Every structure is written in C-alpha cells, then in structure tokens.
C-alpha cells in the first residue's frame, strides 16, 4: 500500500455515548415561542400556520363585509335604490 492510499483510509475514532443523537436534537429542535413557531420548517407547523392565516382572513373579510353593509343601511332604510347617488332620498309616503 502506498502512502497516498494510506492517507485516504478513514481513521477510526471511538465515540462515547449517543454522539449524533444529542447534537442533532439540539440542532433540529424548534426554538420556543413565536419566533420558533414562525421559523419552523416542519410540515405540520406550516399547515397549522396556513389554517390560522385562513381563519384570520375569513374573520377579517367578514368584519369588512359587516362594515360595508352597515354603511349602506341608512340609505336602504329610506328606499334608495342607489345609496351613492347624488339625488336626495326621502322617506316614501304611502
């Protein structure tokens, strides 16, 4: 065997304990708190983020629709067909 072949042989190192387990656990565990929840790459956590975001925008859209309908309420109460029209709407007398 030549010196070059000998230098390419792997050295045997004795490792005590659970070498890759503890180190990998520290490296891949999710950080605690909001920062860890946002920066996680776990597919289950990402799915939860999608669900939370979808419900948040559903609620936000519902509130916005309620505000728009509440803004049109006084004009519809008087029978205006177009609440944004420049003509004045007066209560209809029957």
N, C-alpha and C. Protein backbone atom coordinates (compact mmCIF):
# COMPACT_ATOMS: atom_id res chain seq x y z
N UNK A 1 0.86 -1.17 0.00
CA UNK A 1 0.00 0.00 0.00
C UNK A 1 0.91 1.24 0.00
N UNK A 2 0.57 2.20 -0.81
CA UNK A 2 1.39 3.41 -0.90
C UNK A 2 0.99 4.41 0.18
N UNK A 3 1.78 5.46 0.33
CA UNK A 3 1.49 6.49 1.33
C UNK A 3 0.21 7.23 0.98
N UNK A 4 -0.04 7.43 -0.32
CA UNK A 4 -1.25 8.13 -0.74
C UNK A 4 -2.49 7.31 -0.39
N UNK A 5 -2.45 6.00 -0.64
CA UNK A 5 -3.57 5.14 -0.30
C UNK A 5 -3.78 5.08 1.20
N UNK A 6 -2.70 5.11 1.95
CA UNK A 6 -2.81 5.06 3.40
C UNK A 6 -3.44 6.34 3.95
N UNK A 7 -3.16 7.48 3.33
CA UNK A 7 -3.72 8.75 3.82
C UNK A 7 -5.21 8.86 3.53
N UNK A 8 -5.71 8.09 2.58
CA UNK A 8 -7.12 8.16 2.23
C UNK A 8 -7.97 7.22 3.06
N UNK A 9 -7.36 6.37 3.84
CA UNK A 9 -8.14 5.45 4.67
C UNK A 9 -8.78 6.22 5.82
N UNK A 10 -10.02 5.94 6.15
CA UNK A 10 -10.66 6.66 7.26
C UNK A 10 -10.03 6.26 8.59
N UNK A 11 -9.91 7.24 9.45
CA UNK A 11 -9.39 6.96 10.79
C UNK A 11 -10.54 6.48 11.65
N UNK A 12 -10.28 5.54 12.48
CA UNK A 12 -11.29 5.03 13.39
C UNK A 12 -11.23 5.84 14.68
N UNK A 13 -12.39 6.39 15.04
CA UNK A 13 -12.47 7.21 16.24
C UNK A 13 -13.50 6.57 17.15
N UNK A 14 -13.13 6.42 18.40
CA UNK A 14 -14.06 5.85 19.37
C UNK A 14 -14.91 7.00 19.94
N UNK A 15 -16.22 6.83 19.85
CA UNK A 15 -17.15 7.84 20.31
C UNK A 15 -17.94 7.27 21.46
N UNK A 16 -17.94 7.98 22.56
CA UNK A 16 -18.70 7.54 23.74
C UNK A 16 -20.09 8.19 23.73
N UNK A 17 -21.05 7.45 24.15
CA UNK A 17 -22.40 8.00 24.29
C UNK A 17 -23.16 8.05 22.98
N UNK A 18 -24.21 8.84 22.99
CA UNK A 18 -25.09 8.98 21.84
C UNK A 18 -24.63 10.19 21.03
N UNK A 19 -23.57 10.02 20.25
CA UNK A 19 -22.93 11.14 19.56
C UNK A 19 -23.87 11.90 18.62
N UNK A 20 -24.45 11.27 17.61
CA UNK A 20 -25.25 12.10 16.71
C UNK A 20 -26.59 12.49 17.30
N UNK A 21 -27.11 11.72 18.21
CA UNK A 21 -28.46 11.96 18.72
C UNK A 21 -28.62 13.28 19.44
N UNK A 22 -27.80 13.55 20.44
CA UNK A 22 -27.94 14.77 21.24
C UNK A 22 -27.61 16.00 20.41
N UNK A 23 -26.58 15.92 19.60
CA UNK A 23 -26.19 17.07 18.79
C UNK A 23 -27.25 17.39 17.73
N UNK A 24 -27.74 16.35 17.07
CA UNK A 24 -28.80 16.58 16.08
C UNK A 24 -30.08 17.08 16.72
N UNK A 25 -30.38 16.60 17.90
CA UNK A 25 -31.58 17.04 18.61
C UNK A 25 -31.51 18.54 18.89
N UNK A 26 -30.37 19.01 19.38
CA UNK A 26 -30.20 20.44 19.64
C UNK A 26 -30.27 21.25 18.35
N UNK A 27 -29.71 20.69 17.28
CA UNK A 27 -29.66 21.42 16.02
C UNK A 27 -31.03 21.54 15.36
N UNK A 28 -31.84 20.52 15.44
CA UNK A 28 -33.10 20.49 14.69
C UNK A 28 -34.33 20.81 15.51
N UNK A 29 -34.20 20.97 16.83
CA UNK A 29 -35.40 21.25 17.60
C UNK A 29 -35.86 22.68 17.34
N UNK A 30 -37.15 22.88 17.45
CA UNK A 30 -37.75 24.18 17.19
C UNK A 30 -37.53 25.08 18.40
N UNK A 31 -37.16 26.32 18.13
CA UNK A 31 -36.96 27.29 19.20
C UNK A 31 -38.29 27.59 19.87
N UNK A 32 -38.30 27.89 21.15
CA UNK A 32 -39.56 28.17 21.84
C UNK A 32 -40.13 29.53 21.46
N UNK A 33 -41.42 29.67 21.62
CA UNK A 33 -42.08 30.95 21.43
C UNK A 33 -42.51 31.22 20.00
N UNK A 34 -42.88 32.47 19.77
CA UNK A 34 -43.39 32.89 18.47
C UNK A 34 -42.33 32.79 17.38
N UNK A 35 -41.08 33.13 17.73
CA UNK A 35 -40.00 33.04 16.75
C UNK A 35 -39.84 31.61 16.24
N UNK A 36 -39.89 30.66 17.14
CA UNK A 36 -39.77 29.26 16.75
C UNK A 36 -40.95 28.79 15.92
N UNK A 37 -42.14 29.28 16.24
CA UNK A 37 -43.34 28.87 15.50
C UNK A 37 -43.30 29.42 14.09
N UNK A 38 -42.82 30.65 13.93
CA UNK A 38 -42.77 31.27 12.60
C UNK A 38 -41.64 30.70 11.77
N UNK A 39 -40.49 30.41 12.38
CA UNK A 39 -39.32 29.97 11.62
C UNK A 39 -39.22 28.46 11.47
N UNK A 40 -40.20 27.73 11.93
CA UNK A 40 -40.18 26.27 11.83
C UNK A 40 -40.33 25.82 10.36
N UNK A 41 -39.64 24.74 10.02
CA UNK A 41 -39.77 24.18 8.68
C UNK A 41 -40.51 22.84 8.71
N UNK A 42 -41.08 22.50 9.84
CA UNK A 42 -41.83 21.26 9.98
C UNK A 42 -43.15 21.38 9.22
N UNK A 43 -43.47 20.39 8.40
CA UNK A 43 -44.65 20.50 7.55
C UNK A 43 -45.94 20.58 8.35
N UNK A 44 -45.97 19.99 9.54
CA UNK A 44 -47.18 20.08 10.36
C UNK A 44 -47.36 21.49 10.91
N UNK A 45 -46.28 22.13 11.30
CA UNK A 45 -46.36 23.51 11.79
C UNK A 45 -46.74 24.47 10.66
N UNK A 46 -46.21 24.25 9.48
CA UNK A 46 -46.56 25.09 8.33
C UNK A 46 -48.04 24.93 8.02
N UNK A 47 -48.57 23.73 8.09
CA UNK A 47 -50.00 23.50 7.87
C UNK A 47 -50.85 24.24 8.88
N UNK A 48 -50.42 24.24 10.14
CA UNK A 48 -51.15 24.98 11.17
C UNK A 48 -51.12 26.47 10.89
N UNK A 49 -49.98 26.97 10.40
CA UNK A 49 -49.89 28.39 10.06
C UNK A 49 -50.85 28.74 8.93
N UNK A 50 -50.97 27.86 7.93
CA UNK A 50 -51.92 28.10 6.84
C UNK A 50 -53.36 28.15 7.37
N UNK A 51 -53.70 27.24 8.26
CA UNK A 51 -55.06 27.20 8.80
C UNK A 51 -55.35 28.45 9.62
N UNK A 52 -54.41 28.86 10.47
CA UNK A 52 -54.60 30.06 11.28
C UNK A 52 -54.73 31.29 10.39
N UNK A 53 -53.91 31.38 9.36
CA UNK A 53 -53.97 32.52 8.44
C UNK A 53 -55.30 32.54 7.69
N UNK A 54 -55.77 31.39 7.26
CA UNK A 54 -57.04 31.33 6.53
C UNK A 54 -58.19 31.79 7.41
N UNK A 55 -58.24 31.32 8.66
CA UNK A 55 -59.32 31.75 9.55
C UNK A 55 -59.21 33.23 9.90
N UNK A 56 -57.99 33.74 10.04
CA UNK A 56 -57.82 35.16 10.35
C UNK A 56 -58.36 36.02 9.20
N UNK A 57 -58.05 35.65 7.96
CA UNK A 57 -58.55 36.43 6.83
C UNK A 57 -60.06 36.22 6.63
N UNK A 58 -60.59 35.06 6.98
CA UNK A 58 -62.03 34.84 6.92
C UNK A 58 -62.74 35.77 7.88
N UNK A 59 -62.24 35.88 9.09
CA UNK A 59 -62.84 36.77 10.08
C UNK A 59 -62.69 38.22 9.66
N UNK A 60 -61.51 38.58 9.15
CA UNK A 60 -61.27 39.96 8.69
C UNK A 60 -62.21 40.32 7.54
N UNK A 61 -62.39 39.41 6.60
CA UNK A 61 -63.31 39.65 5.49
C UNK A 61 -64.75 39.77 5.95
N UNK A 62 -65.14 38.96 6.92
CA UNK A 62 -66.50 39.06 7.46
C UNK A 62 -66.74 40.39 8.16
N UNK A 63 -65.74 40.84 8.93
CA UNK A 63 -65.88 42.14 9.59
C UNK A 63 -65.95 43.28 8.57
N UNK A 64 -65.16 43.19 7.53
CA UNK A 64 -65.19 44.21 6.49
C UNK A 64 -66.54 44.23 5.77
N UNK A 65 -67.11 43.06 5.52
CA UNK A 65 -68.43 43.00 4.88
C UNK A 65 -69.50 43.60 5.78
N UNK A 66 -69.39 43.35 7.10
CA UNK A 66 -70.36 43.93 8.03
C UNK A 66 -70.26 45.45 8.05
N UNK A 67 -69.04 45.98 7.99
CA UNK A 67 -68.86 47.44 7.97
C UNK A 67 -69.45 48.03 6.69
N UNK A 68 -69.25 47.37 5.55
CA UNK A 68 -69.81 47.87 4.30
C UNK A 68 -71.33 47.85 4.32
N UNK A 69 -71.90 46.78 4.86
CA UNK A 69 -73.37 46.71 4.92
C UNK A 69 -73.93 47.73 5.90
N UNK A 70 -73.20 47.95 6.99
CA UNK A 70 -73.67 48.95 7.96
C UNK A 70 -73.60 50.35 7.36
N UNK A 71 -72.65 50.61 6.50
CA UNK A 71 -72.56 51.92 5.84
C UNK A 71 -73.69 52.15 4.87
N UNK A 72 -74.25 51.12 4.29
CA UNK A 72 -75.36 51.25 3.34
C UNK A 72 -76.72 51.22 4.03
N UNK A 73 -76.79 50.92 5.30
CA UNK A 73 -78.07 50.73 5.97
C UNK A 73 -78.96 51.97 5.97
N UNK A 74 -78.49 53.16 6.31
CA UNK A 74 -79.41 54.30 6.36
C UNK A 74 -80.05 54.61 5.01
N UNK A 75 -79.32 54.49 3.94
CA UNK A 75 -79.88 54.79 2.62
C UNK A 75 -80.93 53.75 2.23
N UNK A 76 -80.69 52.50 2.53
CA UNK A 76 -81.68 51.47 2.18
C UNK A 76 -82.93 51.60 3.03
N UNK A 77 -82.80 52.13 4.23
CA UNK A 77 -83.97 52.26 5.10
C UNK A 77 -84.98 53.24 4.50
N UNK A 78 -84.49 54.21 3.72
CA UNK A 78 -85.37 55.19 3.10
C UNK A 78 -85.81 54.80 1.70
N UNK A 79 -85.40 53.66 1.22
CA UNK A 79 -85.85 53.17 -0.06
C UNK A 79 -85.02 53.62 -1.24
N UNK A 80 -83.83 54.09 -1.03
CA UNK A 80 -82.97 54.47 -2.15
C UNK A 80 -82.48 53.22 -2.84
N UNK A 81 -82.55 53.22 -4.14
CA UNK A 81 -82.03 52.07 -4.86
C UNK A 81 -80.52 52.15 -4.99
N UNK A 82 -80.00 53.39 -5.06
CA UNK A 82 -78.55 53.57 -5.17
C UNK A 82 -78.11 54.50 -4.04
N UNK A 83 -77.54 53.97 -2.97
CA UNK A 83 -77.18 54.82 -1.84
C UNK A 83 -76.09 55.83 -2.17
N UNK A 84 -75.32 55.59 -3.23
CA UNK A 84 -74.24 56.52 -3.55
C UNK A 84 -74.69 57.58 -4.55
N UNK A 85 -75.97 57.61 -4.91
CA UNK A 85 -76.43 58.58 -5.90
C UNK A 85 -76.45 59.98 -5.28
N UNK A 86 -76.37 60.97 -6.12
CA UNK A 86 -76.34 62.35 -5.64
C UNK A 86 -77.75 62.90 -5.38
N UNK A 87 -78.74 62.21 -5.88
CA UNK A 87 -80.10 62.68 -5.62
C UNK A 87 -80.47 62.38 -4.19
N UNK A 88 -81.27 63.24 -3.62
CA UNK A 88 -81.66 63.04 -2.22
C UNK A 88 -82.75 61.99 -2.14
N UNK A 89 -82.64 61.16 -1.17
CA UNK A 89 -83.66 60.12 -0.95
C UNK A 89 -84.48 60.55 0.25
N UNK A 90 -85.76 60.59 0.05
CA UNK A 90 -86.63 60.95 1.16
C UNK A 90 -87.50 59.73 1.47
N UNK A 91 -88.01 59.67 2.70
CA UNK A 91 -88.87 58.53 3.02
C UNK A 91 -90.11 58.52 2.16
N UNK A 92 -90.46 57.36 1.68
CA UNK A 92 -91.65 57.26 0.84
C UNK A 92 -92.89 57.34 1.70
N UNK A 93 -93.86 58.08 1.23
CA UNK A 93 -95.12 58.20 1.97
C UNK A 93 -96.15 57.35 1.25
N UNK A 94 -96.83 56.58 1.99
CA UNK A 94 -97.83 55.70 1.38
C UNK A 94 -99.21 56.08 1.82
